[in-house]
Amino acid sequence: MIENEVVAILDTCSLIVRNLHQQVVTKDLIKSGVAELFKQCPGKCGSVKVPSNPKVSVLVKMRAPAGTQWEAWNADAELNKPYCYQPNGEPEVKSKYDCIKAYNQIPIDSQGHLTHKSKGLLTQMGVTFGSCTVSPQSHINSNCSV
């Protein structure tokens, strides 16, 4: 079986190769994707489809420091682990029941997917009740199930 996603991490940088269509990926293919990314986005992170095989994408991302609100977006973030963040100067969650009520207000369709009456299926959203905001998000940009 061919992997859908391969990640290489060094210090503060992540290189991610997405191969959702089970293509044969070589080191040269990855190098050409990285070269194309830096050609189109000089000095910046980003993502690009590999020119010689647009079914493969290359992403370069900066890693978020531990304990920040963006830590869950790191390529090696542990799945199914809660990531908690309290912004400096922001009020604390006053009641766990606020979070339960926010969670229960997340709009889902009959199959449990996040949905919006005018936008259809979603990959992320935020619902606030009282002192708590719940923000379910897909780690791989696919439609979320709750």
N, C-alpha and C. Protein backbone atom coordinates (compact mmCIF):
# COMPACT_ATOMS: atom_id res chain seq x y z
N MET A 1 0.84 -1.18 0.00
CA MET A 1 0.00 0.00 0.00
C MET A 1 0.88 1.24 0.00
N ILE A 2 0.50 2.24 -0.75
CA ILE A 2 1.22 3.50 -0.82
C ILE A 2 0.61 4.47 0.18
N GLU A 3 1.47 5.19 0.90
CA GLU A 3 1.00 6.17 1.89
C GLU A 3 0.31 7.35 1.21
N ASN A 4 -0.71 7.91 1.88
CA ASN A 4 -1.38 9.12 1.39
C ASN A 4 -0.59 10.37 1.71
N GLU A 5 0.18 10.32 2.80
CA GLU A 5 0.91 11.51 3.24
C GLU A 5 2.19 11.07 3.94
N VAL A 6 3.28 11.72 3.58
CA VAL A 6 4.57 11.46 4.22
C VAL A 6 5.10 12.79 4.71
N VAL A 7 5.65 12.79 5.93
CA VAL A 7 6.11 14.02 6.56
C VAL A 7 7.57 13.87 6.95
N ALA A 8 8.36 14.90 6.67
CA ALA A 8 9.74 14.98 7.15
C ALA A 8 9.85 16.28 7.95
N ILE A 9 10.41 16.18 9.15
CA ILE A 9 10.48 17.34 10.04
C ILE A 9 11.92 17.56 10.45
N LEU A 10 12.34 18.83 10.40
CA LEU A 10 13.65 19.22 10.90
C LEU A 10 13.51 20.58 11.56
N ASP A 11 13.86 20.64 12.81
CA ASP A 11 13.78 21.89 13.58
C ASP A 11 12.40 22.52 13.48
N THR A 12 12.30 23.69 12.87
CA THR A 12 11.02 24.41 12.81
C THR A 12 10.29 24.25 11.48
N CYS A 13 10.74 23.32 10.64
CA CYS A 13 10.16 23.18 9.30
C CYS A 13 9.61 21.77 9.07
N SER A 14 8.47 21.70 8.42
CA SER A 14 7.87 20.42 8.02
C SER A 14 7.75 20.38 6.50
N LEU A 15 8.16 19.28 5.92
CA LEU A 15 7.96 19.02 4.49
C LEU A 15 6.93 17.90 4.41
N ILE A 16 5.84 18.16 3.73
CA ILE A 16 4.74 17.20 3.65
C ILE A 16 4.50 16.88 2.18
N VAL A 17 4.42 15.60 1.87
CA VAL A 17 4.10 15.15 0.52
C VAL A 17 2.74 14.47 0.60
N ARG A 18 1.76 15.03 -0.11
CA ARG A 18 0.41 14.45 -0.14
C ARG A 18 0.23 13.70 -1.45
N ASN A 19 -0.19 12.46 -1.31
CA ASN A 19 -0.33 11.56 -2.45
C ASN A 19 -1.67 10.84 -2.34
N LEU A 20 -2.75 11.58 -2.47
CA LEU A 20 -4.08 11.03 -2.25
C LEU A 20 -4.54 10.09 -3.36
N HIS A 21 -3.85 10.11 -4.50
CA HIS A 21 -4.25 9.29 -5.64
C HIS A 21 -3.31 8.11 -5.87
N GLN A 22 -2.53 7.74 -4.84
CA GLN A 22 -1.68 6.54 -4.88
C GLN A 22 -0.71 6.53 -6.06
N GLN A 23 -0.06 7.65 -6.30
CA GLN A 23 0.93 7.78 -7.36
C GLN A 23 2.29 7.27 -6.88
N VAL A 24 3.15 6.89 -7.82
CA VAL A 24 4.53 6.54 -7.48
C VAL A 24 5.28 7.85 -7.29
N VAL A 25 5.88 8.01 -6.11
CA VAL A 25 6.58 9.26 -5.78
C VAL A 25 8.05 8.96 -5.57
N THR A 26 8.90 9.68 -6.29
CA THR A 26 10.35 9.51 -6.16
C THR A 26 10.95 10.73 -5.47
N LYS A 27 12.19 10.58 -5.05
CA LYS A 27 12.90 11.71 -4.44
C LYS A 27 13.01 12.87 -5.43
N ASP A 28 13.26 12.57 -6.70
CA ASP A 28 13.35 13.63 -7.72
C ASP A 28 12.02 14.35 -7.90
N LEU A 29 10.91 13.62 -7.81
CA LEU A 29 9.59 14.24 -7.92
C LEU A 29 9.38 15.22 -6.77
N ILE A 30 9.77 14.82 -5.56
CA ILE A 30 9.64 15.69 -4.39
C ILE A 30 10.53 16.92 -4.56
N LYS A 31 11.77 16.71 -4.99
CA LYS A 31 12.68 17.85 -5.21
C LYS A 31 12.11 18.84 -6.21
N SER A 32 11.50 18.33 -7.29
CA SER A 32 10.93 19.24 -8.29
C SER A 32 9.74 20.00 -7.70
N GLY A 33 8.97 19.35 -6.83
CA GLY A 33 7.86 20.03 -6.17
C GLY A 33 8.33 21.12 -5.24
N VAL A 34 9.37 20.84 -4.46
CA VAL A 34 9.93 21.85 -3.55
C VAL A 34 10.50 23.02 -4.36
N ALA A 35 11.20 22.71 -5.45
CA ALA A 35 11.76 23.78 -6.30
C ALA A 35 10.64 24.65 -6.86
N GLU A 36 9.55 24.03 -7.29
CA GLU A 36 8.41 24.79 -7.82
C GLU A 36 7.77 25.66 -6.74
N LEU A 37 7.67 25.11 -5.54
CA LEU A 37 7.10 25.88 -4.43
C LEU A 37 7.92 27.13 -4.16
N PHE A 38 9.23 26.98 -4.06
CA PHE A 38 10.07 28.14 -3.76
C PHE A 38 10.19 29.10 -4.95
N LYS A 39 9.92 28.59 -6.16
CA LYS A 39 9.87 29.47 -7.33
C LYS A 39 8.61 30.35 -7.25
N GLN A 40 7.49 29.73 -6.89
CA GLN A 40 6.22 30.46 -6.83
C GLN A 40 6.05 31.26 -5.54
N CYS A 41 6.69 30.81 -4.47
CA CYS A 41 6.54 31.46 -3.16
C CYS A 41 7.92 31.71 -2.56
N PRO A 42 8.74 32.58 -3.16
CA PRO A 42 10.11 32.77 -2.67
C PRO A 42 10.14 33.19 -1.20
N GLY A 43 10.90 32.43 -0.42
CA GLY A 43 11.09 32.76 0.99
C GLY A 43 9.87 32.52 1.87
N LYS A 44 8.87 31.80 1.36
CA LYS A 44 7.64 31.58 2.13
C LYS A 44 7.28 30.11 2.17
N CYS A 45 6.47 29.76 3.14
CA CYS A 45 5.89 28.42 3.20
C CYS A 45 4.71 28.38 2.25
N GLY A 46 4.22 27.19 1.98
CA GLY A 46 3.04 27.08 1.13
C GLY A 46 2.87 25.67 0.61
N SER A 47 2.03 25.54 -0.40
CA SER A 47 1.81 24.24 -1.02
C SER A 47 1.68 24.42 -2.52
N VAL A 48 2.02 23.37 -3.24
CA VAL A 48 1.97 23.41 -4.70
C VAL A 48 1.79 21.98 -5.21
N LYS A 49 1.10 21.86 -6.33
CA LYS A 49 1.02 20.57 -7.01
C LYS A 49 2.31 20.39 -7.79
N VAL A 50 2.84 19.19 -7.78
CA VAL A 50 4.08 18.91 -8.49
C VAL A 50 3.81 19.04 -9.99
N PRO A 51 4.59 19.88 -10.70
CA PRO A 51 4.31 20.14 -12.12
C PRO A 51 4.24 18.88 -12.99
N SER A 52 5.13 17.93 -12.77
CA SER A 52 5.15 16.74 -13.61
C SER A 52 4.10 15.70 -13.20
N ASN A 53 3.48 15.89 -12.02
CA ASN A 53 2.41 15.00 -11.58
C ASN A 53 1.49 15.77 -10.63
N PRO A 54 0.51 16.50 -11.17
CA PRO A 54 -0.34 17.34 -10.34
C PRO A 54 -1.24 16.59 -9.36
N LYS A 55 -1.20 15.25 -9.39
CA LYS A 55 -1.95 14.49 -8.39
C LYS A 55 -1.18 14.40 -7.07
N VAL A 56 0.06 14.89 -7.07
CA VAL A 56 0.91 14.90 -5.87
C VAL A 56 1.14 16.36 -5.47
N SER A 57 0.99 16.64 -4.17
CA SER A 57 1.23 17.99 -3.65
C SER A 57 2.39 17.98 -2.68
N VAL A 58 3.14 19.09 -2.67
CA VAL A 58 4.23 19.29 -1.72
C VAL A 58 3.88 20.51 -0.88
N LEU A 59 4.01 20.39 0.43
CA LEU A 59 3.74 21.49 1.35
C LEU A 59 4.97 21.72 2.21
N VAL A 60 5.27 22.97 2.47
CA VAL A 60 6.31 23.34 3.43
C VAL A 60 5.62 24.21 4.46
N LYS A 61 5.71 23.80 5.72
CA LYS A 61 5.04 24.53 6.81
C LYS A 61 6.02 24.79 7.94
N MET A 62 5.87 25.94 8.58
CA MET A 62 6.61 26.21 9.81
C MET A 62 5.90 25.47 10.93
N ARG A 63 6.67 24.99 11.87
CA ARG A 63 6.07 24.29 13.02
C ARG A 63 5.69 25.30 14.09
N ALA A 64 4.53 25.12 14.65
CA ALA A 64 4.08 25.98 15.74
C ALA A 64 4.74 25.54 17.04
N PRO A 65 5.13 26.49 17.88
CA PRO A 65 5.73 26.13 19.16
C PRO A 65 4.72 25.40 20.06
N ALA A 66 5.22 24.50 20.88
CA ALA A 66 4.37 23.78 21.83
C ALA A 66 3.66 24.78 22.75
N GLY A 67 2.41 24.48 23.05
CA GLY A 67 1.65 25.31 23.96
C GLY A 67 0.95 26.48 23.31
N THR A 68 1.11 26.64 21.98
CA THR A 68 0.41 27.72 21.29
C THR A 68 -0.89 27.19 20.69
N GLN A 69 -1.75 28.10 20.29
CA GLN A 69 -3.03 27.68 19.75
C GLN A 69 -2.89 26.94 18.42
N TRP A 70 -1.75 27.04 17.77
CA TRP A 70 -1.55 26.40 16.47
C TRP A 70 -0.82 25.07 16.56
N GLU A 71 -0.47 24.62 17.75
CA GLU A 71 0.28 23.37 17.92
C GLU A 71 -0.40 22.18 17.26
N ALA A 72 -1.72 22.13 17.29
CA ALA A 72 -2.46 21.00 16.71
C ALA A 72 -2.30 20.92 15.19
N TRP A 73 -1.81 21.98 14.55
CA TRP A 73 -1.63 21.98 13.09
C TRP A 73 -0.25 21.47 12.69
N ASN A 74 0.61 21.18 13.64
CA ASN A 74 1.92 20.63 13.29
C ASN A 74 1.74 19.28 12.60
N ALA A 75 2.59 19.02 11.64
CA ALA A 75 2.47 17.79 10.85
C ALA A 75 2.58 16.54 11.70
N ASP A 76 3.26 16.62 12.83
CA ASP A 76 3.39 15.45 13.68
C ASP A 76 2.49 15.54 14.91
N ALA A 77 1.47 16.39 14.86
CA ALA A 77 0.55 16.50 15.99
C ALA A 77 -0.14 15.15 16.20
N GLU A 78 -0.25 14.77 17.44
CA GLU A 78 -0.87 13.50 17.77
C GLU A 78 -2.37 13.58 17.51
N LEU A 79 -2.89 12.64 16.74
CA LEU A 79 -4.32 12.62 16.47
C LEU A 79 -5.07 12.16 17.72
N ASN A 80 -6.29 12.59 17.84
CA ASN A 80 -7.17 12.23 18.95
C ASN A 80 -6.66 12.70 20.30
N LYS A 81 -5.76 13.65 20.30
CA LYS A 81 -5.27 14.25 21.54
C LYS A 81 -5.90 15.64 21.66
N PRO A 82 -6.43 15.99 22.81
CA PRO A 82 -6.96 17.35 22.94
C PRO A 82 -5.81 18.35 23.03
N TYR A 83 -5.95 19.45 22.31
CA TYR A 83 -4.98 20.54 22.39
C TYR A 83 -5.69 21.72 23.03
N CYS A 84 -5.14 22.17 24.13
CA CYS A 84 -5.79 23.22 24.91
C CYS A 84 -4.94 24.48 24.85
N TYR A 85 -5.63 25.61 24.77
CA TYR A 85 -4.93 26.88 24.66
C TYR A 85 -5.76 27.96 25.34
N GLN A 86 -5.10 28.77 26.14
CA GLN A 86 -5.74 29.90 26.80
C GLN A 86 -4.98 31.16 26.44
N PRO A 87 -5.54 32.00 25.54
CA PRO A 87 -4.83 33.22 25.16
C PRO A 87 -4.61 34.14 26.36
N ASN A 88 -3.44 34.76 26.42
CA ASN A 88 -3.16 35.72 27.49
C ASN A 88 -4.19 36.83 27.46
N GLY A 89 -4.70 37.16 28.63
CA GLY A 89 -5.64 38.27 28.75
C GLY A 89 -7.08 37.92 28.40
N GLU A 90 -7.32 36.73 27.91
CA GLU A 90 -8.69 36.32 27.58
C GLU A 90 -9.33 35.66 28.79
N PRO A 91 -10.65 35.78 28.93
CA PRO A 91 -11.32 35.16 30.09
C PRO A 91 -11.27 33.64 30.01
N GLU A 92 -11.23 33.03 31.17
CA GLU A 92 -11.23 31.57 31.24
C GLU A 92 -12.64 31.04 30.98
N VAL A 93 -12.71 29.77 30.62
CA VAL A 93 -14.01 29.11 30.48
C VAL A 93 -14.58 28.98 31.89
N LYS A 94 -15.76 29.52 32.09
CA LYS A 94 -16.33 29.56 33.43
C LYS A 94 -17.09 28.29 33.80
N SER A 95 -17.59 27.58 32.80
CA SER A 95 -18.39 26.39 33.09
C SER A 95 -18.18 25.35 32.01
N LYS A 96 -17.90 24.11 32.44
CA LYS A 96 -17.77 23.03 31.46
C LYS A 96 -19.08 22.83 30.71
N TYR A 97 -20.18 23.23 31.33
CA TYR A 97 -21.48 23.08 30.68
C TYR A 97 -21.62 24.02 29.49
N ASP A 98 -20.90 25.16 29.52
CA ASP A 98 -20.88 26.04 28.35
C ASP A 98 -20.30 25.30 27.15
N CYS A 99 -19.24 24.52 27.38
CA CYS A 99 -18.61 23.77 26.29
C CYS A 99 -19.52 22.65 25.80
N ILE A 100 -20.20 21.98 26.71
CA ILE A 100 -21.13 20.92 26.32
C ILE A 100 -22.26 21.51 25.49
N LYS A 101 -22.78 22.66 25.92
CA LYS A 101 -23.86 23.31 25.16
C LYS A 101 -23.37 23.78 23.80
N ALA A 102 -22.15 24.32 23.75
CA ALA A 102 -21.58 24.74 22.46
C ALA A 102 -21.44 23.52 21.54
N TYR A 103 -20.92 22.42 22.07
CA TYR A 103 -20.75 21.20 21.29
C TYR A 103 -22.10 20.72 20.75
N ASN A 104 -23.11 20.74 21.60
CA ASN A 104 -24.44 20.26 21.19
C ASN A 104 -25.09 21.16 20.15
N GLN A 105 -24.60 22.39 19.98
CA GLN A 105 -25.14 23.31 18.98
C GLN A 105 -24.43 23.21 17.64
N ILE A 106 -23.40 22.37 17.54
CA ILE A 106 -22.70 22.21 16.27
C ILE A 106 -23.67 21.60 15.26
N PRO A 107 -23.91 22.29 14.14
CA PRO A 107 -24.87 21.76 13.17
C PRO A 107 -24.26 20.60 12.38
N ILE A 108 -24.95 19.47 12.40
CA ILE A 108 -24.50 18.29 11.66
C ILE A 108 -25.66 17.74 10.84
N ASP A 109 -25.31 17.04 9.77
CA ASP A 109 -26.35 16.40 8.96
C ASP A 109 -26.64 15.01 9.53
N SER A 110 -27.50 14.26 8.85
CA SER A 110 -27.92 12.94 9.36
C SER A 110 -26.77 11.94 9.43
N GLN A 111 -25.66 12.22 8.73
CA GLN A 111 -24.50 11.33 8.77
C GLN A 111 -23.43 11.81 9.74
N GLY A 112 -23.72 12.88 10.46
CA GLY A 112 -22.77 13.38 11.45
C GLY A 112 -21.73 14.34 10.90
N HIS A 113 -21.87 14.81 9.66
CA HIS A 113 -20.90 15.75 9.07
C HIS A 113 -21.24 17.18 9.45
N LEU A 114 -20.20 17.98 9.70
CA LEU A 114 -20.42 19.41 9.92
C LEU A 114 -21.12 19.98 8.70
N THR A 115 -22.12 20.79 8.93
CA THR A 115 -22.86 21.35 7.80
C THR A 115 -23.32 22.76 8.12
N HIS A 116 -23.59 23.50 7.09
CA HIS A 116 -24.09 24.87 7.23
C HIS A 116 -25.22 25.02 6.22
N LYS A 117 -26.33 25.64 6.62
CA LYS A 117 -27.50 25.68 5.73
C LYS A 117 -27.22 26.32 4.38
N SER A 118 -26.28 27.27 4.31
CA SER A 118 -26.01 27.90 3.02
C SER A 118 -24.67 27.50 2.42
N LYS A 119 -23.77 26.92 3.22
CA LYS A 119 -22.43 26.58 2.71
C LYS A 119 -22.24 25.09 2.48
N GLY A 120 -23.17 24.25 2.90
CA GLY A 120 -23.02 22.81 2.73
C GLY A 120 -22.06 22.22 3.74
N LEU A 121 -21.37 21.12 3.35
CA LEU A 121 -20.43 20.45 4.24
C LEU A 121 -19.22 21.33 4.51
N LEU A 122 -18.67 21.24 5.72
CA LEU A 122 -17.56 22.08 6.14
C LEU A 122 -16.38 21.25 6.61
N THR A 123 -15.18 21.85 6.57
CA THR A 123 -13.99 21.22 7.14
C THR A 123 -13.67 21.80 8.51
N GLN A 124 -14.26 22.94 8.85
CA GLN A 124 -14.04 23.53 10.17
C GLN A 124 -15.16 24.52 10.48
N MET A 125 -15.32 24.81 11.76
CA MET A 125 -16.28 25.82 12.19
C MET A 125 -16.05 26.09 13.67
N GLY A 126 -16.69 27.11 14.19
CA GLY A 126 -16.62 27.42 15.61
C GLY A 126 -18.00 27.76 16.12
N VAL A 127 -18.35 27.23 17.29
CA VAL A 127 -19.63 27.52 17.93
C VAL A 127 -19.33 27.98 19.35
N THR A 128 -19.91 29.12 19.73
CA THR A 128 -19.69 29.67 21.07
C THR A 128 -20.98 29.63 21.86
N PHE A 129 -20.86 29.20 23.10
CA PHE A 129 -21.96 29.30 24.06
C PHE A 129 -21.37 29.81 25.36
N GLY A 130 -21.89 30.90 25.85
CA GLY A 130 -21.38 31.46 27.11
C GLY A 130 -19.90 31.76 27.02
N SER A 131 -19.12 31.10 27.87
CA SER A 131 -17.68 31.38 27.95
C SER A 131 -16.82 30.40 27.16
N CYS A 132 -17.44 29.55 26.33
CA CYS A 132 -16.67 28.50 25.65
C CYS A 132 -16.93 28.49 24.15
N THR A 133 -15.84 28.36 23.38
CA THR A 133 -15.95 28.16 21.94
C THR A 133 -15.40 26.79 21.60
N VAL A 134 -16.17 26.01 20.87
CA VAL A 134 -15.75 24.69 20.41
C VAL A 134 -15.52 24.82 18.91
N SER A 135 -14.32 24.37 18.45
CA SER A 135 -13.95 24.52 17.03
C SER A 135 -13.50 23.19 16.44
N PRO A 136 -14.43 22.34 16.00
CA PRO A 136 -14.01 21.10 15.34
C PRO A 136 -13.41 21.42 13.97
N GLN A 137 -12.32 20.73 13.63
CA GLN A 137 -11.64 20.97 12.37
C GLN A 137 -11.07 19.67 11.85
N SER A 138 -11.05 19.54 10.54
CA SER A 138 -10.45 18.37 9.92
C SER A 138 -8.94 18.57 9.83
N HIS A 139 -8.19 17.56 10.23
CA HIS A 139 -6.73 17.63 10.17
C HIS A 139 -6.21 17.52 8.74
N ILE A 140 -7.02 16.92 7.87
CA ILE A 140 -6.58 16.71 6.48
C ILE A 140 -7.49 17.41 5.47
N ASN A 141 -8.22 18.41 5.93
CA ASN A 141 -9.10 19.20 5.06
C ASN A 141 -10.17 18.37 4.37
N SER A 142 -10.61 17.30 5.01
CA SER A 142 -11.77 16.58 4.49
C SER A 142 -12.96 16.97 5.34
N ASN A 143 -14.15 16.65 4.89
CA ASN A 143 -15.33 17.02 5.65
C ASN A 143 -15.29 16.36 7.02
N CYS A 144 -15.63 17.12 8.05
CA CYS A 144 -15.57 16.64 9.43
C CYS A 144 -16.80 15.81 9.77
N SER A 145 -16.61 14.84 10.63
CA SER A 145 -17.71 14.10 11.23
C SER A 145 -17.65 14.32 12.72
N VAL A 146 -18.82 14.50 13.33
CA VAL A 146 -18.90 14.72 14.77
C VAL A 146 -19.68 13.59 15.39
